[in-house]
Protein backbone atom coordinates (compact mmCIF):
# COMPACT_ATOMS: atom_id res chain seq x y z
CA MET A 1 15.89 75.10 -16.08
CA SER A 2 12.17 75.91 -16.22
CA PHE A 3 9.63 74.55 -13.69
CA LYS A 4 7.95 72.67 -16.54
CA ASN A 5 11.17 70.85 -17.39
CA VAL A 6 11.74 69.91 -13.74
CA ARG A 7 8.26 68.37 -13.49
CA SER A 8 8.88 66.39 -16.69
CA MET A 9 12.14 65.03 -15.32
CA ARG A 10 10.41 64.04 -12.04
CA ARG A 11 7.80 62.10 -14.00
CA LEU A 12 10.56 60.31 -15.93
CA ILE A 13 12.27 59.35 -12.67
CA ILE A 14 9.07 58.21 -10.93
CA PHE A 15 7.85 56.12 -13.89
CA PRO A 16 10.89 53.77 -13.99
CA ARG A 17 10.65 53.30 -10.22
CA ALA A 18 6.96 52.41 -10.42
CA PHE A 19 7.60 50.10 -13.37
CA SER A 20 10.43 48.38 -11.51
CA LEU A 21 8.19 47.82 -8.51
CA GLN A 22 5.49 46.27 -10.70
CA LEU A 23 8.08 44.09 -12.42
CA ILE A 24 9.35 42.82 -9.05
CA VAL A 25 5.79 41.99 -7.97
CA VAL A 26 5.16 40.05 -11.20
CA ILE A 27 8.43 38.13 -10.80
CA LEU A 28 7.55 37.23 -7.20
CA LEU A 29 4.11 36.03 -8.25
CA LEU A 30 5.57 33.90 -11.04
CA PHE A 31 8.11 32.49 -8.62
CA ALA A 32 5.35 31.62 -6.14
CA VAL A 33 3.34 29.89 -8.88
CA TYR A 34 6.44 28.02 -10.01
CA CYS A 35 7.20 26.90 -6.46
CA TYR A 36 3.62 25.78 -5.93
CA SER A 37 3.63 23.74 -9.13
CA GLU A 38 6.86 22.14 -8.07
CA THR A 39 5.36 20.98 -4.78
CA VAL A 40 2.34 19.40 -6.51
CA ASP A 41 4.67 16.70 -7.82
CA ARG A 42 8.19 16.02 -6.71
CA ILE A 43 10.84 13.34 -6.76
CA VAL A 44 10.62 11.13 -3.67
CA ALA A 45 13.36 8.63 -4.56
CA VAL A 46 15.95 7.79 -7.20
CA VAL A 47 16.97 4.14 -7.61
CA ASN A 48 19.95 3.59 -9.91
CA GLU A 49 18.87 6.70 -11.89
CA HIS A 50 15.24 5.51 -12.03
CA VAL A 51 13.00 8.24 -10.63
CA ILE A 52 9.98 7.67 -8.36
CA THR A 53 7.67 10.67 -7.95
CA LEU A 54 5.01 11.61 -5.45
CA THR A 55 2.47 11.19 -8.24
CA ASP A 56 3.64 7.60 -8.70
CA LEU A 57 2.83 6.93 -5.05
CA ARG A 58 -0.55 8.62 -5.32
CA ILE A 59 -1.47 6.63 -8.46
CA VAL A 60 -0.45 3.32 -6.90
CA GLU A 61 -2.50 4.14 -3.81
CA ALA A 62 -5.54 5.49 -5.71
CA PHE A 63 -5.89 2.34 -7.82
CA GLY A 64 -5.12 -0.05 -4.96
CA LEU A 65 -2.19 -1.74 -6.68
CA TYR A 66 -1.01 -2.85 -3.22
CA GLY A 67 -4.42 -2.98 -1.59
CA GLU A 68 -4.11 -6.62 -0.55
CA GLU A 69 -0.59 -6.26 0.80
CA PHE A 70 -1.15 -3.08 2.82
CA LYS A 71 -4.92 -3.21 3.41
CA GLU A 72 -4.58 -3.15 7.22
CA LYS A 73 -1.91 -0.43 7.30
CA SER A 74 -3.26 3.07 6.79
CA GLU A 75 -0.58 4.83 8.85
CA GLY A 76 2.60 5.49 6.90
CA LEU A 77 1.05 4.00 3.76
CA HIS A 78 3.03 6.24 1.38
CA GLN A 79 6.29 5.12 2.99
CA LEU A 80 5.31 1.44 2.65
CA ILE A 81 4.40 1.93 -1.00
CA LEU A 82 7.64 3.82 -1.61
CA GLU A 83 9.71 0.96 -0.19
CA ARG A 84 7.84 -1.52 -2.40
CA LEU A 85 8.43 0.63 -5.51
CA ILE A 86 12.13 0.84 -4.60
CA ASP A 87 12.21 -2.97 -4.36
CA GLN A 88 10.54 -3.25 -7.76
CA LYS A 89 13.05 -0.89 -9.40
CA LEU A 90 15.90 -2.84 -7.86
CA VAL A 91 14.62 -6.26 -8.89
CA ILE A 92 13.87 -5.18 -12.44
CA SER A 93 17.17 -3.34 -12.93
CA LEU A 94 19.53 -5.67 -11.07
CA ALA A 95 18.05 -9.12 -11.39
CA GLY A 96 19.17 -9.20 -15.00
CA GLU A 97 16.22 -11.22 -16.25
CA GLU A 98 13.75 -10.41 -18.99
CA THR A 99 10.13 -11.20 -18.25
CA PHE A 100 7.45 -11.41 -20.92
CA ILE A 101 4.00 -10.26 -19.87
CA GLU A 102 0.95 -11.59 -21.70
CA ASN A 103 -1.84 -9.14 -22.56
CA GLU A 104 -4.23 -11.50 -20.78
CA GLU A 105 -2.35 -10.91 -17.51
CA LEU A 106 -2.73 -7.15 -17.84
CA ASP A 107 -6.39 -7.54 -18.83
CA SER A 108 -6.97 -9.63 -15.73
CA PHE A 109 -5.20 -7.08 -13.51
CA GLN A 110 -7.22 -4.26 -15.06
CA GLY A 111 -10.41 -6.25 -14.55
CA ARG A 112 -9.67 -6.65 -10.84
CA ILE A 113 -9.16 -2.90 -10.47
CA ILE A 114 -12.47 -2.15 -12.21
CA GLU A 115 -14.26 -4.78 -10.13
CA LYS A 116 -12.90 -3.23 -6.94
CA LEU A 117 -13.45 0.45 -7.80
CA GLY A 118 -16.34 0.27 -10.27
CA ASN A 119 -16.23 1.63 -13.82
CA ASP A 120 -17.21 5.20 -12.93
CA GLN A 121 -14.79 5.55 -10.03
CA ALA A 122 -11.93 4.04 -12.04
CA ARG A 123 -12.64 6.44 -14.92
CA ARG A 124 -12.77 9.45 -12.58
CA ARG A 125 -9.43 8.52 -11.03
CA LEU A 126 -7.85 8.14 -14.46
CA GLU A 127 -9.12 11.61 -15.37
CA GLU A 128 -7.84 13.03 -12.08
CA PHE A 129 -4.29 11.97 -12.95
CA GLY A 130 -4.60 12.66 -16.67
CA LEU A 131 -4.11 8.97 -17.49
CA ASP A 132 -5.67 6.38 -19.72
CA TRP A 133 -5.65 2.63 -19.16
CA GLN A 134 -2.54 2.22 -21.28
CA ASP A 135 -0.66 4.58 -18.96
CA LEU A 136 -1.83 2.67 -15.90
CA ARG A 137 -0.77 -0.62 -17.48
CA ALA A 138 2.84 0.51 -17.16
CA TYR A 139 2.39 0.43 -13.36
CA MET A 140 0.64 -2.95 -13.55
CA GLN A 141 3.37 -4.37 -15.76
CA GLU A 142 6.14 -3.35 -13.36
CA LYS A 143 4.36 -5.03 -10.46
CA ILE A 144 3.77 -8.24 -12.47
CA ILE A 145 7.43 -8.39 -13.55
CA TYR A 146 8.50 -7.97 -9.91
CA GLN A 147 6.17 -10.72 -8.74
CA LYS A 148 7.19 -13.10 -11.52
CA THR A 149 10.90 -12.55 -10.87
CA ILE A 150 10.42 -13.23 -7.16
CA SER A 151 8.32 -16.31 -7.87
CA ARG A 152 10.83 -17.66 -10.37
CA LYS A 153 13.71 -17.20 -7.96
CA PHE A 154 12.05 -18.42 -4.77
CA GLY A 155 9.23 -20.59 -6.04
CA GLN A 156 11.15 -23.82 -5.65
CA ARG A 157 9.64 -25.98 -2.95
CA ASN A 158 11.34 -25.65 0.41
CA ILE A 159 11.74 -28.79 2.49
CA VAL A 160 10.04 -28.75 5.89
CA SER A 161 11.10 -31.31 8.47
CA LEU A 162 8.74 -33.03 10.91
CA LYS A 163 10.62 -31.33 13.77
CA GLU A 164 9.85 -27.91 12.30
CA ILE A 165 6.18 -28.83 12.08
CA GLU A 166 6.15 -30.09 15.68
CA ASP A 167 7.93 -26.97 16.94
CA TYR A 168 5.49 -24.70 15.11
CA TYR A 169 2.53 -26.66 16.44
CA GLN A 170 3.70 -26.59 20.08
CA LYS A 171 5.22 -23.10 20.20
CA SER A 172 2.93 -21.11 17.90
CA TYR A 173 -0.33 -22.84 17.07
CA VAL A 174 -1.29 -24.29 20.47
CA PRO A 175 -0.55 -21.08 22.48
CA SER A 176 -2.46 -18.92 19.96
CA GLN A 177 -5.53 -21.17 20.14
CA ARG A 178 -5.52 -21.19 23.93
CA GLU A 179 -5.26 -17.39 24.01
CA LYS A 180 -8.46 -17.32 21.97
CA GLY A 181 -10.13 -19.78 24.34
CA LEU A 182 -10.24 -22.48 21.68
CA GLU A 183 -9.28 -26.13 21.87
CA PRO A 184 -6.27 -26.89 19.61
CA GLN A 185 -6.90 -29.39 16.84
CA PRO A 186 -4.67 -32.49 16.67
CA MET A 187 -1.42 -31.84 14.81
CA VAL A 188 -2.09 -34.64 12.31
CA GLU A 189 -5.12 -32.73 11.02
CA LEU A 190 -3.07 -29.59 10.42
CA LEU A 191 0.04 -31.00 8.77
CA ASP A 192 -0.58 -29.43 5.33
CA GLU A 193 -1.64 -26.06 6.79
CA ILE A 194 1.37 -25.86 9.11
CA GLU A 195 3.76 -26.94 6.38
CA SER A 196 2.39 -24.28 4.04
CA GLY A 197 2.76 -21.59 6.73
CA ILE A 198 6.37 -22.58 7.45
CA ILE A 199 7.21 -22.55 3.75
CA GLN A 200 5.75 -19.05 3.36
CA GLU A 201 7.78 -17.81 6.30
CA LYS A 202 10.96 -19.33 4.84
CA ILE A 203 10.30 -17.75 1.44
CA LYS A 204 9.65 -14.35 3.02
CA THR A 205 12.92 -14.56 4.95
CA GLN A 206 14.81 -15.50 1.78
CA ILE A 207 13.22 -12.69 -0.22
CA ASP A 208 13.95 -10.12 2.49
CA GLY A 209 17.60 -11.20 2.62
CA TRP A 210 17.93 -11.08 -1.18
CA LEU A 211 16.38 -7.61 -1.40
CA LYS A 212 18.65 -6.39 1.38
CA ASN A 213 21.68 -7.50 -0.62
CA LEU A 214 20.34 -5.83 -3.77
CA ARG A 215 19.94 -2.59 -1.85
CA LYS A 216 23.58 -2.75 -0.74
CA LYS A 217 24.66 -2.79 -4.41
CA ALA A 218 22.30 -0.04 -5.47
CA ASP A 219 22.44 3.74 -5.47
CA ILE A 220 19.27 4.72 -3.60
CA GLN A 221 18.43 8.31 -2.72
CA ARG A 222 15.28 9.12 -0.73
CA PHE A 223 13.68 12.54 -0.51
CA MET A 224 10.70 11.61 1.66
């Protein structure tokens, strides 16, 4: 075999090796890009086959859909929002009740968001997530359905006895006022306020117990 032929064969051998190396590099880069895109959004929970994503949490937080409920809790906010979204999925899927939402209710909800954020900020956040108002209304609607279902189920007036009012006044109200260095008002002047507070506590306890039972029946998987 001539020297020229040997050199040609060496070039043929080297070329496939170099090409293979380049191909491996390209595959690794594509894999890295794919992995990065996967971490931008990911599934954080599945509730009876209903998926909740990280983007869902970010949208709910960005538009303050639970601003009033969690306004004093910045630490662990995503986890709090996730638990609320799980509750919503459970109530809507397991409560077995259809709830009709009026356009006026969604308009009012949207108006409160715009009032809180301002038109420009609200528009920028929609663009950031690639949404329009109609997309965001799906999140609003789910929250309204959840609230209406809870209200319908636990909105009946609870009975508060005079003993409960007296106990609350003596054990909760009076000590709290004295800790603040304030003189407690007479109980007779606070009957409606105390009764309302007791009712809210009772309703919250009932709701928490109901949701706990719903969770026992559900298939919930968390990835966060």
